[in-house]
């Protein structure tokens, strides 16, 4: 379900279930988590095989869940999203085709989201009497603001790439998302990791500034 390749500072993670638009089962989520944890490259590039990025959770599995297993399934998805978010390096999502539900949520956990002109994104769970529970209700308003997050989640509407760009849901729109990962992989790996850690830091401002000073000094020392 998750294929991995490595080269030129990039670990490519391919969601490889094109006949189901790369919908994720519990087993696939565990495979993705293991692939992220095993990676050591400065850049992870996450994308989908075929004509979709990721349709989200596998609905056949979701329909069979009871309350207890639903909680476990949500916890697993949240754990995978945290693994992407906390990866010691940059994580780039290449969104080509459809991203739905959990697919959007995994993309939200990535550092840079790059869409092709053909990409579409939607949180469609509300139409099924559910919602994506892989951390999206926290990350979506952080990224696009509360108003836009409510619009996206409560309506379940589908966004094209340009609309997603205007909202800040994606960072760029380009025909070849992988070129962004390649450009990021070309920068200094130590500085890349430090910058991600600093920007992701959620400590109070004074603590962040102290850590920033130390990180700058540490990088400077490596150049001496």
Protein backbone atom coordinates (compact mmCIF):
# COMPACT_ATOMS: atom_id res chain seq x y z
CA UNK A 1 0.00 0.00 0.00
CA UNK A 2 2.86 2.40 0.77
CA UNK A 3 5.82 2.25 -1.59
CA UNK A 4 9.10 3.95 -0.67
CA UNK A 5 12.06 5.06 -2.73
CA UNK A 6 15.05 7.20 -1.83
CA UNK A 7 17.53 9.38 -3.67
CA UNK A 8 19.05 12.87 -3.78
CA UNK A 9 18.04 13.62 -0.20
CA UNK A 10 14.36 12.74 -0.71
CA UNK A 11 12.42 9.79 0.66
CA UNK A 12 9.36 9.37 -1.56
CA UNK A 13 6.29 7.80 0.04
CA UNK A 14 3.73 6.69 -2.51
CA UNK A 15 0.21 5.77 -1.44
CA UNK A 16 -0.26 2.90 -3.87
CA UNK A 17 -3.87 1.77 -4.09
CA UNK A 18 -5.04 3.55 -7.23
CA UNK A 19 -8.10 1.33 -7.75
CA UNK A 20 -9.54 2.78 -4.50
CA UNK A 21 -8.11 6.28 -4.99
CA UNK A 22 -5.50 5.42 -2.35
CA UNK A 23 -8.04 5.10 0.46
CA UNK A 24 -6.34 4.14 3.70
CA UNK A 25 -7.10 1.11 5.83
CA UNK A 26 -5.71 0.61 9.33
CA UNK A 27 -2.99 -1.59 7.84
CA UNK A 28 -2.07 1.12 5.34
CA UNK A 29 -1.90 3.74 8.09
CA UNK A 30 0.46 1.53 10.07
CA UNK A 31 2.58 1.03 6.95
CA UNK A 32 2.72 4.80 6.43
CA UNK A 33 3.66 5.40 10.05
CA UNK A 34 6.46 2.83 9.81
CA UNK A 35 7.73 4.37 6.57
CA UNK A 36 7.89 7.84 8.15
CA UNK A 37 9.63 6.52 11.25
CA UNK A 38 12.21 4.64 9.15
CA UNK A 39 13.09 7.67 7.01
CA UNK A 40 16.26 9.69 7.63
CA UNK A 41 16.42 11.93 4.55
CA UNK A 42 16.14 15.73 4.83
CA UNK A 43 12.92 15.69 2.79
CA UNK A 44 9.87 13.43 2.68
CA UNK A 45 7.67 13.61 -0.41
CA UNK A 46 4.18 12.20 0.05
CA UNK A 47 1.96 11.60 -2.98
CA UNK A 48 -0.57 9.17 -4.41
CA UNK A 49 -0.41 6.71 -7.27
CA UNK A 50 -2.80 7.06 -10.17
CA UNK A 51 -5.39 9.81 -10.48
CA UNK A 52 -5.85 10.71 -6.80
CA UNK A 53 -3.78 11.88 -3.86
CA UNK A 54 -5.82 10.11 -1.19
CA UNK A 55 -9.56 9.53 -0.78
CA UNK A 56 -9.14 9.40 3.00
CA UNK A 57 -10.21 6.52 5.19
CA UNK A 58 -11.36 3.31 3.53
CA UNK A 59 -15.15 3.50 3.80
CA UNK A 60 -15.58 -0.28 3.91
CA UNK A 61 -13.54 -0.34 7.11
CA UNK A 62 -15.21 2.78 8.52
CA UNK A 63 -18.69 1.33 8.03
CA UNK A 64 -17.73 -1.72 10.09
CA UNK A 65 -16.46 0.27 13.08
CA UNK A 66 -18.18 0.33 16.45
CA UNK A 67 -17.57 3.11 19.00
CA UNK A 68 -14.47 1.49 20.52
CA UNK A 69 -12.82 0.59 17.22
CA UNK A 70 -13.73 4.02 15.81
CA UNK A 71 -11.80 5.66 18.63
CA UNK A 72 -8.79 3.42 17.95
CA UNK A 73 -8.98 4.13 14.22
CA UNK A 74 -9.05 7.89 14.85
CA UNK A 75 -6.12 7.60 17.27
CA UNK A 76 -4.10 5.71 14.65
CA UNK A 77 -4.76 8.37 12.01
CA UNK A 78 -3.84 11.10 14.45
CA UNK A 79 -0.60 9.30 15.27
CA UNK A 80 0.34 9.10 11.59
CA UNK A 81 -0.42 12.80 11.10
CA UNK A 82 1.76 13.67 14.11
CA UNK A 83 4.57 11.55 12.70
CA UNK A 84 4.47 13.58 9.49
CA UNK A 85 4.22 16.89 11.35
CA UNK A 86 7.09 16.11 13.73
CA UNK A 87 9.41 14.49 11.17
CA UNK A 88 12.98 15.72 11.56
CA UNK A 89 13.09 17.29 8.12
CA UNK A 90 10.72 18.86 5.62
CA UNK A 91 7.58 17.04 4.50
CA UNK A 92 6.10 17.99 1.13
CA UNK A 93 2.68 16.78 0.00
CA UNK A 94 2.25 16.51 -3.77
CA UNK A 95 -1.52 16.69 -4.29
CA UNK A 96 -2.57 15.54 -7.75
CA UNK A 97 -6.22 14.69 -8.30
CA UNK A 98 -8.61 14.19 -5.40
CA UNK A 99 -7.78 14.69 -1.73
CA UNK A 100 -10.72 13.88 0.49
CA UNK A 101 -11.29 13.65 4.23
CA UNK A 102 -8.32 11.92 5.79
CA UNK A 103 -6.28 12.66 2.70
CA UNK A 104 -6.72 16.37 3.36
CA UNK A 105 -5.87 15.80 7.01
CA UNK A 106 -2.60 14.06 6.19
CA UNK A 107 -1.74 16.89 3.82
CA UNK A 108 -2.47 19.41 6.60
CA UNK A 109 0.18 17.70 8.72
CA UNK A 110 2.81 18.25 6.00
CA UNK A 111 5.02 21.33 6.00
CA UNK A 112 4.41 22.29 2.37
CA UNK A 113 1.32 21.38 0.36
CA UNK A 114 1.72 21.60 -3.41
CA UNK A 115 -1.24 21.00 -5.72
CA UNK A 116 -1.43 20.42 -9.43
CA UNK A 117 -3.97 22.50 -11.39
CA UNK A 118 -6.18 19.38 -11.53
CA UNK A 119 -6.20 18.84 -7.76
CA UNK A 120 -9.40 19.07 -5.73
CA UNK A 121 -9.75 19.04 -1.95
CA UNK A 122 -12.77 18.45 0.29
CA UNK A 123 -13.74 17.47 3.81
CA UNK A 124 -16.75 15.39 2.80
CA UNK A 125 -17.29 13.50 6.06
CA UNK A 126 -20.19 15.71 7.14
CA UNK A 127 -22.20 14.41 4.19
CA UNK A 128 -21.81 10.88 5.58
CA UNK A 129 -22.72 11.81 9.13
CA UNK A 130 -19.06 11.76 10.17
CA UNK A 131 -15.97 13.92 9.95
CA UNK A 132 -12.26 13.40 9.49
CA UNK A 133 -10.78 12.70 12.92
CA UNK A 134 -7.05 12.60 12.16
CA UNK A 135 -6.33 15.99 13.69
CA UNK A 136 -8.01 18.04 11.00
CA UNK A 137 -10.39 19.92 13.28
CA UNK A 138 -7.31 21.40 15.00
CA UNK A 139 -5.01 21.90 12.01
CA UNK A 140 -7.53 23.24 9.49
CA UNK A 141 -8.40 26.44 11.43
CA UNK A 142 -4.73 26.95 12.29
CA UNK A 143 -3.90 26.98 8.59
CA UNK A 144 -6.86 28.73 6.94
CA UNK A 145 -8.54 30.49 9.88
CA UNK A 146 -11.69 29.59 11.77
CA UNK A 147 -14.11 31.12 9.26
CA UNK A 148 -12.71 29.32 6.24
CA UNK A 149 -12.35 26.08 8.24
CA UNK A 150 -16.01 26.17 9.20
CA UNK A 151 -17.00 26.84 5.59
CA UNK A 152 -14.92 23.93 4.30
CA UNK A 153 -15.92 21.43 7.00
CA UNK A 154 -19.60 22.27 7.44
CA UNK A 155 -20.46 22.51 3.76
CA UNK A 156 -18.37 19.57 2.57
CA UNK A 157 -17.83 21.50 -0.64
CA UNK A 158 -15.09 20.67 -3.10
CA UNK A 159 -12.33 23.21 -3.63
CA UNK A 160 -10.34 23.48 -6.82
CA UNK A 161 -6.61 24.14 -6.65
CA UNK A 162 -6.81 27.91 -7.14
CA UNK A 163 -9.46 28.29 -4.43
CA UNK A 164 -7.37 26.19 -2.06
CA UNK A 165 -4.38 28.40 -2.86
CA UNK A 166 -6.28 31.60 -2.11
CA UNK A 167 -7.37 30.16 1.23
CA UNK A 168 -3.86 29.06 2.13
CA UNK A 169 -4.90 25.42 2.19
CA UNK A 170 -2.13 24.72 -0.32
CA UNK A 171 1.15 26.60 -0.64
CA UNK A 172 1.60 26.44 -4.41
CA UNK A 173 -0.01 25.22 -7.59
CA UNK A 174 2.29 23.71 -10.17
CA UNK A 175 2.20 20.96 -12.77
CA UNK A 176 5.10 19.11 -11.12
CA UNK A 177 4.83 19.17 -7.30
CA UNK A 178 7.93 17.03 -6.90
CA UNK A 179 10.10 19.90 -8.15
CA UNK A 180 9.29 21.71 -4.91
CA UNK A 181 10.58 18.77 -2.89
CA UNK A 182 13.71 18.74 -5.03
CA UNK A 183 14.29 22.45 -4.44
CA UNK A 184 13.89 22.01 -0.68
CA UNK A 185 16.28 19.04 -0.72
CA UNK A 186 18.91 21.26 -2.35
CA UNK A 187 19.21 23.60 0.66
CA UNK A 188 21.46 23.06 3.67
CA UNK A 189 20.06 20.06 5.56
CA UNK A 190 21.07 21.29 9.02
CA UNK A 191 19.51 24.71 8.52
CA UNK A 192 16.38 23.10 7.08
CA UNK A 193 15.87 20.93 10.17
CA UNK A 194 16.56 23.81 12.56
CA UNK A 195 14.16 26.15 10.76
CA UNK A 196 11.35 23.59 10.79
CA UNK A 197 11.83 23.02 14.51
CA UNK A 198 11.83 26.72 15.23
CA UNK A 199 8.77 27.52 13.14
CA UNK A 200 6.87 24.53 14.54
CA UNK A 201 7.78 25.49 18.12
CA UNK A 202 4.66 26.29 20.15
CA UNK A 203 6.40 27.49 23.32
CA UNK A 204 5.89 31.01 24.65
CA UNK A 205 7.57 33.84 22.75
CA UNK A 206 10.44 34.35 25.19
CA UNK A 207 11.32 30.65 25.13
CA UNK A 208 11.10 30.57 21.34
CA UNK A 209 13.48 33.53 21.07
CA UNK A 210 15.97 31.92 23.43
CA UNK A 211 15.86 28.69 21.41
CA UNK A 212 16.23 30.69 18.22
CA UNK A 213 19.37 32.38 19.54
CA UNK A 214 20.87 29.04 20.53
CA UNK A 215 19.99 27.41 17.24
CA UNK A 216 21.58 30.27 15.30
CA UNK A 217 24.71 29.98 17.42
CA UNK A 218 24.84 26.20 16.89
CA UNK A 219 24.57 26.56 13.13
CA UNK A 220 27.25 29.26 13.15
CA UNK A 221 29.57 27.01 15.14
CA UNK A 222 29.24 24.28 12.50
CA UNK A 223 30.57 26.72 9.90
CA UNK A 224 33.73 27.59 11.84
